[in-house]
Amino acid sequence: MRIDRLPADPAARAVACGDHAFALDVLARTLWGEARGEGRDGMRGVANVVLNRAARPGWWGRSVAEVCLKPWQFSCWLESDPNRAKLLGVDGRDRAFATALSISVDALAGILPDYTFGATHYHALDCEVAWSKGRTPCAVIGRHAFYNDID
């Protein structure tokens, strides 16, 4: 099931799409929004972060979709993000989105290896973020540094 436009309310989206289809769509859009310029490996790294967070139910959320949509966690979902309209409108005709969908299928099926060694955080290499100060990335994939030691 492909969703061209997501309803504004997350609960309405879940009801309209079913939990699995909703999770697949939201994860693919998150991968596309966060790492479409990083290719398959970069998108896999972001998928690993989402899965690692979802595996620790609590503050980040209790599902893949909740983790992706948690306010201020993935900038692609911010209302102020200049690419948000593109994120909501992209579909499988876009090659990078088709790749994101493929990775999302593997992620939700539980067959995506963890290329990030348990990372729950990442940032672009050209950004300085306070929470990474003094920390060593557990993986660097493309232009993203990944961390598995942030509480």
N, C-alpha and C. Protein backbone atom coordinates (compact mmCIF):
# COMPACT_ATOMS: atom_id res chain seq x y z
N MET A 1 0.84 -1.17 0.00
CA MET A 1 0.00 0.00 0.00
C MET A 1 0.89 1.23 0.00
N ARG A 2 0.74 2.08 -0.97
CA ARG A 2 1.50 3.32 -1.05
C ARG A 2 0.62 4.45 -0.57
N ILE A 3 1.18 5.32 0.20
CA ILE A 3 0.43 6.45 0.73
C ILE A 3 1.05 7.71 0.15
N ASP A 4 0.29 8.42 -0.67
CA ASP A 4 0.81 9.62 -1.30
C ASP A 4 0.86 10.80 -0.33
N ARG A 5 -0.15 10.94 0.45
CA ARG A 5 -0.22 12.06 1.40
C ARG A 5 -0.64 11.49 2.75
N LEU A 6 0.10 11.83 3.77
CA LEU A 6 -0.24 11.36 5.10
C LEU A 6 -1.27 12.28 5.72
N PRO A 7 -2.33 11.72 6.34
CA PRO A 7 -3.23 12.59 7.11
C PRO A 7 -2.44 13.31 8.19
N ALA A 8 -2.88 14.48 8.58
CA ALA A 8 -2.15 15.30 9.54
C ALA A 8 -2.02 14.63 10.90
N ASP A 9 -3.04 13.95 11.35
CA ASP A 9 -3.07 13.36 12.68
C ASP A 9 -2.48 11.94 12.65
N PRO A 10 -1.45 11.66 13.47
CA PRO A 10 -0.84 10.33 13.46
C PRO A 10 -1.84 9.21 13.75
N ALA A 11 -2.78 9.44 14.65
CA ALA A 11 -3.77 8.41 14.95
C ALA A 11 -4.62 8.11 13.72
N ALA A 12 -4.99 9.14 12.99
CA ALA A 12 -5.78 8.94 11.77
C ALA A 12 -4.97 8.18 10.73
N ARG A 13 -3.68 8.45 10.66
CA ARG A 13 -2.82 7.73 9.72
C ARG A 13 -2.77 6.24 10.08
N ALA A 14 -2.62 5.95 11.35
CA ALA A 14 -2.52 4.56 11.78
C ALA A 14 -3.80 3.80 11.46
N VAL A 15 -4.95 4.42 11.70
CA VAL A 15 -6.23 3.79 11.41
C VAL A 15 -6.39 3.59 9.91
N ALA A 16 -6.03 4.61 9.14
CA ALA A 16 -6.20 4.55 7.69
C ALA A 16 -5.28 3.52 7.04
N CYS A 17 -4.11 3.33 7.56
CA CYS A 17 -3.10 2.52 6.89
C CYS A 17 -2.90 1.14 7.49
N GLY A 18 -3.28 0.95 8.71
CA GLY A 18 -2.92 -0.28 9.40
C GLY A 18 -1.52 -0.10 9.97
N ASP A 19 -1.25 -0.73 11.07
CA ASP A 19 0.01 -0.49 11.77
C ASP A 19 1.24 -0.81 10.93
N HIS A 20 1.26 -1.95 10.24
CA HIS A 20 2.45 -2.33 9.48
C HIS A 20 2.66 -1.38 8.29
N ALA A 21 1.62 -1.13 7.54
CA ALA A 21 1.74 -0.24 6.39
C ALA A 21 2.14 1.16 6.84
N PHE A 22 1.59 1.59 7.95
CA PHE A 22 1.92 2.91 8.49
C PHE A 22 3.39 2.96 8.88
N ALA A 23 3.85 1.94 9.61
CA ALA A 23 5.26 1.90 10.03
C ALA A 23 6.18 1.87 8.82
N LEU A 24 5.84 1.09 7.82
CA LEU A 24 6.64 1.00 6.60
C LEU A 24 6.74 2.36 5.92
N ASP A 25 5.62 3.02 5.78
CA ASP A 25 5.60 4.32 5.11
C ASP A 25 6.38 5.38 5.90
N VAL A 26 6.14 5.44 7.20
CA VAL A 26 6.82 6.45 8.03
C VAL A 26 8.32 6.19 8.07
N LEU A 27 8.73 4.94 8.22
CA LEU A 27 10.16 4.64 8.25
C LEU A 27 10.80 5.00 6.91
N ALA A 28 10.19 4.62 5.82
CA ALA A 28 10.76 4.93 4.50
C ALA A 28 10.88 6.44 4.30
N ARG A 29 9.88 7.19 4.71
CA ARG A 29 9.94 8.65 4.58
C ARG A 29 11.04 9.23 5.47
N THR A 30 11.21 8.64 6.65
CA THR A 30 12.28 9.10 7.55
C THR A 30 13.64 8.84 6.92
N LEU A 31 13.85 7.66 6.38
CA LEU A 31 15.13 7.33 5.74
C LEU A 31 15.38 8.26 4.56
N TRP A 32 14.37 8.47 3.76
CA TRP A 32 14.50 9.37 2.60
C TRP A 32 14.79 10.79 3.07
N GLY A 33 14.06 11.25 4.07
CA GLY A 33 14.22 12.62 4.54
C GLY A 33 15.55 12.88 5.22
N GLU A 34 16.06 11.89 5.92
CA GLU A 34 17.29 12.06 6.68
C GLU A 34 18.54 11.71 5.88
N ALA A 35 18.44 10.79 4.93
CA ALA A 35 19.68 10.26 4.33
C ALA A 35 19.57 9.94 2.84
N ARG A 36 18.67 10.57 2.13
CA ARG A 36 18.54 10.24 0.70
C ARG A 36 19.81 10.53 -0.07
N GLY A 37 20.61 11.48 0.38
CA GLY A 37 21.87 11.80 -0.29
C GLY A 37 23.02 10.89 0.11
N GLU A 38 22.76 9.97 1.03
CA GLU A 38 23.80 9.08 1.56
C GLU A 38 23.76 7.70 0.93
N GLY A 39 22.81 7.45 0.06
CA GLY A 39 22.71 6.15 -0.58
C GLY A 39 22.20 5.07 0.36
N ARG A 40 22.27 3.84 -0.13
CA ARG A 40 21.74 2.69 0.61
C ARG A 40 22.40 2.55 1.99
N ASP A 41 23.71 2.67 2.07
CA ASP A 41 24.40 2.48 3.36
C ASP A 41 23.97 3.53 4.38
N GLY A 42 23.89 4.77 3.96
CA GLY A 42 23.47 5.83 4.88
C GLY A 42 22.05 5.63 5.38
N MET A 43 21.16 5.23 4.48
CA MET A 43 19.78 4.97 4.89
C MET A 43 19.69 3.78 5.84
N ARG A 44 20.52 2.77 5.60
CA ARG A 44 20.54 1.62 6.51
C ARG A 44 20.97 2.06 7.91
N GLY A 45 21.96 2.95 7.99
CA GLY A 45 22.40 3.44 9.29
C GLY A 45 21.29 4.14 10.04
N VAL A 46 20.53 4.99 9.36
CA VAL A 46 19.41 5.68 10.01
C VAL A 46 18.35 4.67 10.43
N ALA A 47 18.08 3.68 9.58
CA ALA A 47 17.12 2.63 9.95
C ALA A 47 17.57 1.90 11.21
N ASN A 48 18.87 1.64 11.31
CA ASN A 48 19.39 0.99 12.52
C ASN A 48 19.13 1.83 13.76
N VAL A 49 19.32 3.13 13.67
CA VAL A 49 19.06 4.00 14.82
C VAL A 49 17.59 3.91 15.21
N VAL A 50 16.70 3.97 14.24
CA VAL A 50 15.26 3.87 14.53
C VAL A 50 14.95 2.54 15.21
N LEU A 51 15.45 1.45 14.67
CA LEU A 51 15.19 0.13 15.25
C LEU A 51 15.78 0.00 16.64
N ASN A 52 16.98 0.52 16.85
CA ASN A 52 17.61 0.44 18.17
C ASN A 52 16.83 1.25 19.20
N ARG A 53 16.28 2.37 18.80
CA ARG A 53 15.45 3.15 19.71
C ARG A 53 14.14 2.42 20.01
N ALA A 54 13.52 1.87 18.98
CA ALA A 54 12.25 1.16 19.18
C ALA A 54 12.44 -0.08 20.05
N ALA A 55 13.63 -0.66 20.04
CA ALA A 55 13.92 -1.84 20.86
C ALA A 55 14.05 -1.50 22.33
N ARG A 56 14.12 -0.21 22.63
CA ARG A 56 14.20 0.27 24.02
C ARG A 56 12.97 1.13 24.29
N PRO A 57 11.79 0.51 24.38
CA PRO A 57 10.57 1.30 24.53
C PRO A 57 10.64 2.23 25.72
N GLY A 58 10.20 3.42 25.52
CA GLY A 58 10.22 4.42 26.58
C GLY A 58 10.15 5.80 25.98
N TRP A 59 11.11 6.62 26.34
CA TRP A 59 11.08 8.03 25.96
C TRP A 59 10.95 8.23 24.45
N TRP A 60 11.66 7.43 23.65
CA TRP A 60 11.63 7.61 22.20
C TRP A 60 10.32 7.14 21.59
N GLY A 61 9.62 6.26 22.27
CA GLY A 61 8.39 5.69 21.74
C GLY A 61 8.40 4.19 21.89
N ARG A 62 7.30 3.58 21.49
CA ARG A 62 7.15 2.13 21.65
C ARG A 62 7.02 1.41 20.32
N SER A 63 7.17 2.15 19.24
CA SER A 63 7.06 1.54 17.92
C SER A 63 7.95 2.30 16.95
N VAL A 64 8.18 1.71 15.80
CA VAL A 64 8.99 2.37 14.77
C VAL A 64 8.38 3.71 14.40
N ALA A 65 7.08 3.75 14.18
CA ALA A 65 6.43 5.00 13.79
C ALA A 65 6.54 6.05 14.89
N GLU A 66 6.33 5.66 16.15
CA GLU A 66 6.45 6.62 17.25
C GLU A 66 7.86 7.18 17.33
N VAL A 67 8.85 6.32 17.16
CA VAL A 67 10.25 6.78 17.20
C VAL A 67 10.50 7.79 16.08
N CYS A 68 10.06 7.47 14.88
CA CYS A 68 10.29 8.38 13.75
C CYS A 68 9.60 9.72 13.93
N LEU A 69 8.41 9.70 14.50
CA LEU A 69 7.60 10.92 14.60
C LEU A 69 7.78 11.67 15.92
N LYS A 70 8.64 11.16 16.80
CA LYS A 70 8.89 11.84 18.08
C LYS A 70 9.37 13.26 17.78
N PRO A 71 8.70 14.26 18.35
CA PRO A 71 9.10 15.64 18.06
C PRO A 71 10.58 15.90 18.34
N TRP A 72 11.20 16.60 17.42
CA TRP A 72 12.58 17.08 17.51
C TRP A 72 13.63 15.98 17.41
N GLN A 73 13.26 14.78 17.00
CA GLN A 73 14.25 13.70 16.90
C GLN A 73 14.79 13.52 15.48
N PHE A 74 13.95 13.65 14.50
CA PHE A 74 14.37 13.54 13.10
C PHE A 74 13.92 14.81 12.40
N SER A 75 14.88 15.61 12.02
CA SER A 75 14.58 16.96 11.53
C SER A 75 13.69 16.97 10.29
N CYS A 76 13.70 15.89 9.53
CA CYS A 76 12.87 15.85 8.32
C CYS A 76 11.39 15.98 8.62
N TRP A 77 10.97 15.65 9.84
CA TRP A 77 9.55 15.73 10.21
C TRP A 77 9.17 17.07 10.83
N LEU A 78 10.14 17.94 11.04
CA LEU A 78 9.81 19.25 11.62
C LEU A 78 8.96 20.06 10.64
N GLU A 79 7.93 20.69 11.16
CA GLU A 79 7.08 21.53 10.30
C GLU A 79 7.89 22.62 9.63
N SER A 80 8.97 23.05 10.26
CA SER A 80 9.79 24.13 9.72
C SER A 80 10.82 23.63 8.69
N ASP A 81 10.94 22.32 8.51
CA ASP A 81 11.92 21.80 7.56
C ASP A 81 11.50 22.18 6.14
N PRO A 82 12.39 22.82 5.39
CA PRO A 82 12.02 23.27 4.04
C PRO A 82 11.71 22.12 3.08
N ASN A 83 12.12 20.91 3.41
CA ASN A 83 11.86 19.76 2.54
C ASN A 83 10.68 18.91 2.99
N ARG A 84 9.95 19.37 4.02
CA ARG A 84 8.85 18.55 4.55
C ARG A 84 7.78 18.26 3.51
N ALA A 85 7.43 19.24 2.70
CA ALA A 85 6.41 19.01 1.66
C ALA A 85 6.88 17.92 0.69
N LYS A 86 8.17 17.94 0.36
CA LYS A 86 8.72 16.89 -0.51
C LYS A 86 8.64 15.53 0.18
N LEU A 87 8.94 15.50 1.48
CA LEU A 87 8.88 14.27 2.27
C LEU A 87 7.48 13.68 2.23
N LEU A 88 6.48 14.50 2.36
CA LEU A 88 5.10 14.02 2.38
C LEU A 88 4.61 13.62 1.00
N GLY A 89 5.20 14.18 -0.04
CA GLY A 89 4.72 13.93 -1.39
C GLY A 89 5.50 12.90 -2.19
N VAL A 90 6.66 12.50 -1.73
CA VAL A 90 7.50 11.57 -2.49
C VAL A 90 6.80 10.21 -2.61
N ASP A 91 7.07 9.53 -3.71
CA ASP A 91 6.51 8.19 -3.89
C ASP A 91 7.55 7.28 -4.54
N GLY A 92 7.16 6.05 -4.81
CA GLY A 92 8.08 5.03 -5.29
C GLY A 92 8.69 5.30 -6.65
N ARG A 93 8.22 6.31 -7.36
CA ARG A 93 8.86 6.66 -8.64
C ARG A 93 10.22 7.31 -8.41
N ASP A 94 10.43 7.85 -7.22
CA ASP A 94 11.72 8.43 -6.85
C ASP A 94 12.65 7.28 -6.47
N ARG A 95 13.80 7.19 -7.13
CA ARG A 95 14.71 6.05 -6.89
C ARG A 95 15.18 5.96 -5.45
N ALA A 96 15.50 7.09 -4.85
CA ALA A 96 15.95 7.06 -3.45
C ALA A 96 14.83 6.60 -2.53
N PHE A 97 13.60 7.00 -2.82
CA PHE A 97 12.48 6.56 -1.99
C PHE A 97 12.22 5.07 -2.18
N ALA A 98 12.36 4.58 -3.40
CA ALA A 98 12.22 3.14 -3.64
C ALA A 98 13.26 2.37 -2.83
N THR A 99 14.47 2.91 -2.76
CA THR A 99 15.52 2.29 -1.94
C THR A 99 15.13 2.33 -0.48
N ALA A 100 14.62 3.47 -0.02
CA ALA A 100 14.19 3.60 1.38
C ALA A 100 13.08 2.60 1.70
N LEU A 101 12.15 2.40 0.78
CA LEU A 101 11.09 1.41 0.99
C LEU A 101 11.67 0.01 1.11
N SER A 102 12.61 -0.33 0.26
CA SER A 102 13.24 -1.65 0.29
C SER A 102 13.95 -1.89 1.63
N ILE A 103 14.69 -0.90 2.07
CA ILE A 103 15.39 -1.01 3.36
C ILE A 103 14.38 -1.12 4.49
N SER A 104 13.29 -0.38 4.41
CA SER A 104 12.26 -0.41 5.45
C SER A 104 11.60 -1.78 5.53
N VAL A 105 11.37 -2.41 4.39
CA VAL A 105 10.81 -3.76 4.38
C VAL A 105 11.74 -4.71 5.14
N ASP A 106 13.03 -4.66 4.85
CA ASP A 106 14.00 -5.50 5.55
C ASP A 106 14.05 -5.17 7.04
N ALA A 107 14.02 -3.89 7.36
CA ALA A 107 14.08 -3.47 8.76
C ALA A 107 12.89 -4.02 9.54
N LEU A 108 11.70 -3.87 9.00
CA LEU A 108 10.51 -4.32 9.71
C LEU A 108 10.40 -5.84 9.74
N ALA A 109 11.04 -6.50 8.78
CA ALA A 109 11.05 -7.98 8.77
C ALA A 109 12.10 -8.54 9.73
N GLY A 110 12.93 -7.67 10.28
CA GLY A 110 13.95 -8.11 11.22
C GLY A 110 15.18 -8.71 10.57
N ILE A 111 15.39 -8.42 9.29
CA ILE A 111 16.54 -9.02 8.60
C ILE A 111 17.61 -7.99 8.22
N LEU A 112 17.46 -6.77 8.69
CA LEU A 112 18.47 -5.74 8.41
C LEU A 112 19.58 -5.85 9.45
N PRO A 113 20.81 -6.15 9.03
CA PRO A 113 21.91 -6.19 10.00
C PRO A 113 22.12 -4.80 10.62
N ASP A 114 22.66 -4.79 11.84
CA ASP A 114 22.93 -3.51 12.49
C ASP A 114 24.34 -3.06 12.13
N TYR A 115 24.42 -2.17 11.18
CA TYR A 115 25.69 -1.63 10.71
C TYR A 115 26.25 -0.58 11.66
N THR A 116 25.48 -0.22 12.70
CA THR A 116 25.88 0.87 13.60
C THR A 116 26.28 0.38 14.98
N PHE A 117 26.31 -0.92 15.19
CA PHE A 117 26.74 -1.48 16.48
C PHE A 117 25.89 -0.98 17.63
N GLY A 118 24.58 -0.90 17.41
CA GLY A 118 23.67 -0.52 18.49
C GLY A 118 23.46 0.97 18.66
N ALA A 119 23.81 1.77 17.68
CA ALA A 119 23.68 3.23 17.81
C ALA A 119 22.23 3.66 18.01
N THR A 120 22.06 4.63 18.89
CA THR A 120 20.75 5.25 19.10
C THR A 120 20.78 6.73 18.73
N HIS A 121 21.93 7.21 18.34
CA HIS A 121 22.09 8.62 17.97
C HIS A 121 23.00 8.74 16.75
N TYR A 122 22.81 9.80 16.01
CA TYR A 122 23.72 10.13 14.91
C TYR A 122 23.59 11.61 14.61
N HIS A 123 24.58 12.11 13.91
CA HIS A 123 24.51 13.49 13.43
C HIS A 123 25.38 13.60 12.18
N ALA A 124 25.11 14.63 11.41
CA ALA A 124 25.93 14.89 10.23
C ALA A 124 27.32 15.31 10.68
N LEU A 125 28.33 14.88 9.96
CA LEU A 125 29.71 15.19 10.33
C LEU A 125 29.99 16.68 10.34
N ASP A 126 29.26 17.44 9.55
CA ASP A 126 29.52 18.88 9.50
C ASP A 126 28.73 19.67 10.55
N CYS A 127 28.08 18.97 11.48
CA CYS A 127 27.34 19.63 12.56
C CYS A 127 28.00 19.32 13.90
N GLU A 128 28.11 20.31 14.73
CA GLU A 128 28.58 20.09 16.09
C GLU A 128 27.36 20.04 16.99
N VAL A 129 27.24 18.96 17.75
CA VAL A 129 26.12 18.82 18.68
C VAL A 129 26.66 18.58 20.08
N ALA A 130 26.04 19.20 21.05
CA ALA A 130 26.54 19.15 22.43
C ALA A 130 26.61 17.73 22.97
N TRP A 131 25.61 16.91 22.64
CA TRP A 131 25.58 15.58 23.24
C TRP A 131 26.71 14.67 22.76
N SER A 132 27.38 15.01 21.65
CA SER A 132 28.46 14.14 21.16
C SER A 132 29.84 14.60 21.62
N LYS A 133 29.91 15.72 22.31
CA LYS A 133 31.20 16.27 22.74
C LYS A 133 31.92 15.26 23.64
N GLY A 134 33.15 14.92 23.29
CA GLY A 134 33.95 13.99 24.07
C GLY A 134 33.64 12.52 23.80
N ARG A 135 32.75 12.25 22.87
CA ARG A 135 32.36 10.87 22.55
C ARG A 135 33.02 10.43 21.25
N THR A 136 33.24 9.16 21.14
CA THR A 136 33.80 8.59 19.92
C THR A 136 32.70 7.86 19.17
N PRO A 137 32.51 8.16 17.91
CA PRO A 137 31.47 7.44 17.16
C PRO A 137 31.78 5.95 17.10
N CYS A 138 30.74 5.15 17.15
CA CYS A 138 30.91 3.69 17.00
C CYS A 138 30.91 3.32 15.52
N ALA A 139 30.45 4.24 14.68
CA ALA A 139 30.46 4.01 13.23
C ALA A 139 30.38 5.36 12.53
N VAL A 140 31.01 5.43 11.39
CA VAL A 140 30.85 6.58 10.49
C VAL A 140 30.43 5.99 9.16
N ILE A 141 29.26 6.41 8.71
CA ILE A 141 28.72 5.92 7.45
C ILE A 141 28.41 7.14 6.60
N GLY A 142 29.12 7.24 5.50
CA GLY A 142 28.93 8.43 4.66
C GLY A 142 29.28 9.68 5.44
N ARG A 143 28.36 10.61 5.47
CA ARG A 143 28.59 11.88 6.18
C ARG A 143 27.89 11.93 7.53
N HIS A 144 27.64 10.75 8.13
CA HIS A 144 27.00 10.69 9.44
C HIS A 144 27.88 9.92 10.43
N ALA A 145 27.95 10.43 11.65
CA ALA A 145 28.62 9.74 12.75
C ALA A 145 27.55 9.14 13.65
N PHE A 146 27.74 7.89 14.06
CA PHE A 146 26.76 7.16 14.86
C PHE A 146 27.35 6.87 16.24
N TYR A 147 26.48 6.89 17.26
CA TYR A 147 26.90 6.73 18.65
C TYR A 147 26.02 5.70 19.35
N ASN A 148 26.66 4.85 20.16
CA ASN A 148 25.91 3.87 20.95
C ASN A 148 26.13 4.06 22.45
N ASP A 149 26.70 5.19 22.83
CA ASP A 149 27.00 5.42 24.25
C ASP A 149 26.37 6.70 24.78
N ILE A 150 25.25 7.10 24.21
CA ILE A 150 24.55 8.30 24.66
C ILE A 150 23.34 7.85 25.46
N ASP A 151 23.24 8.34 26.69
CA ASP A 151 22.08 7.96 27.53
C ASP A 151 20.92 8.89 27.31
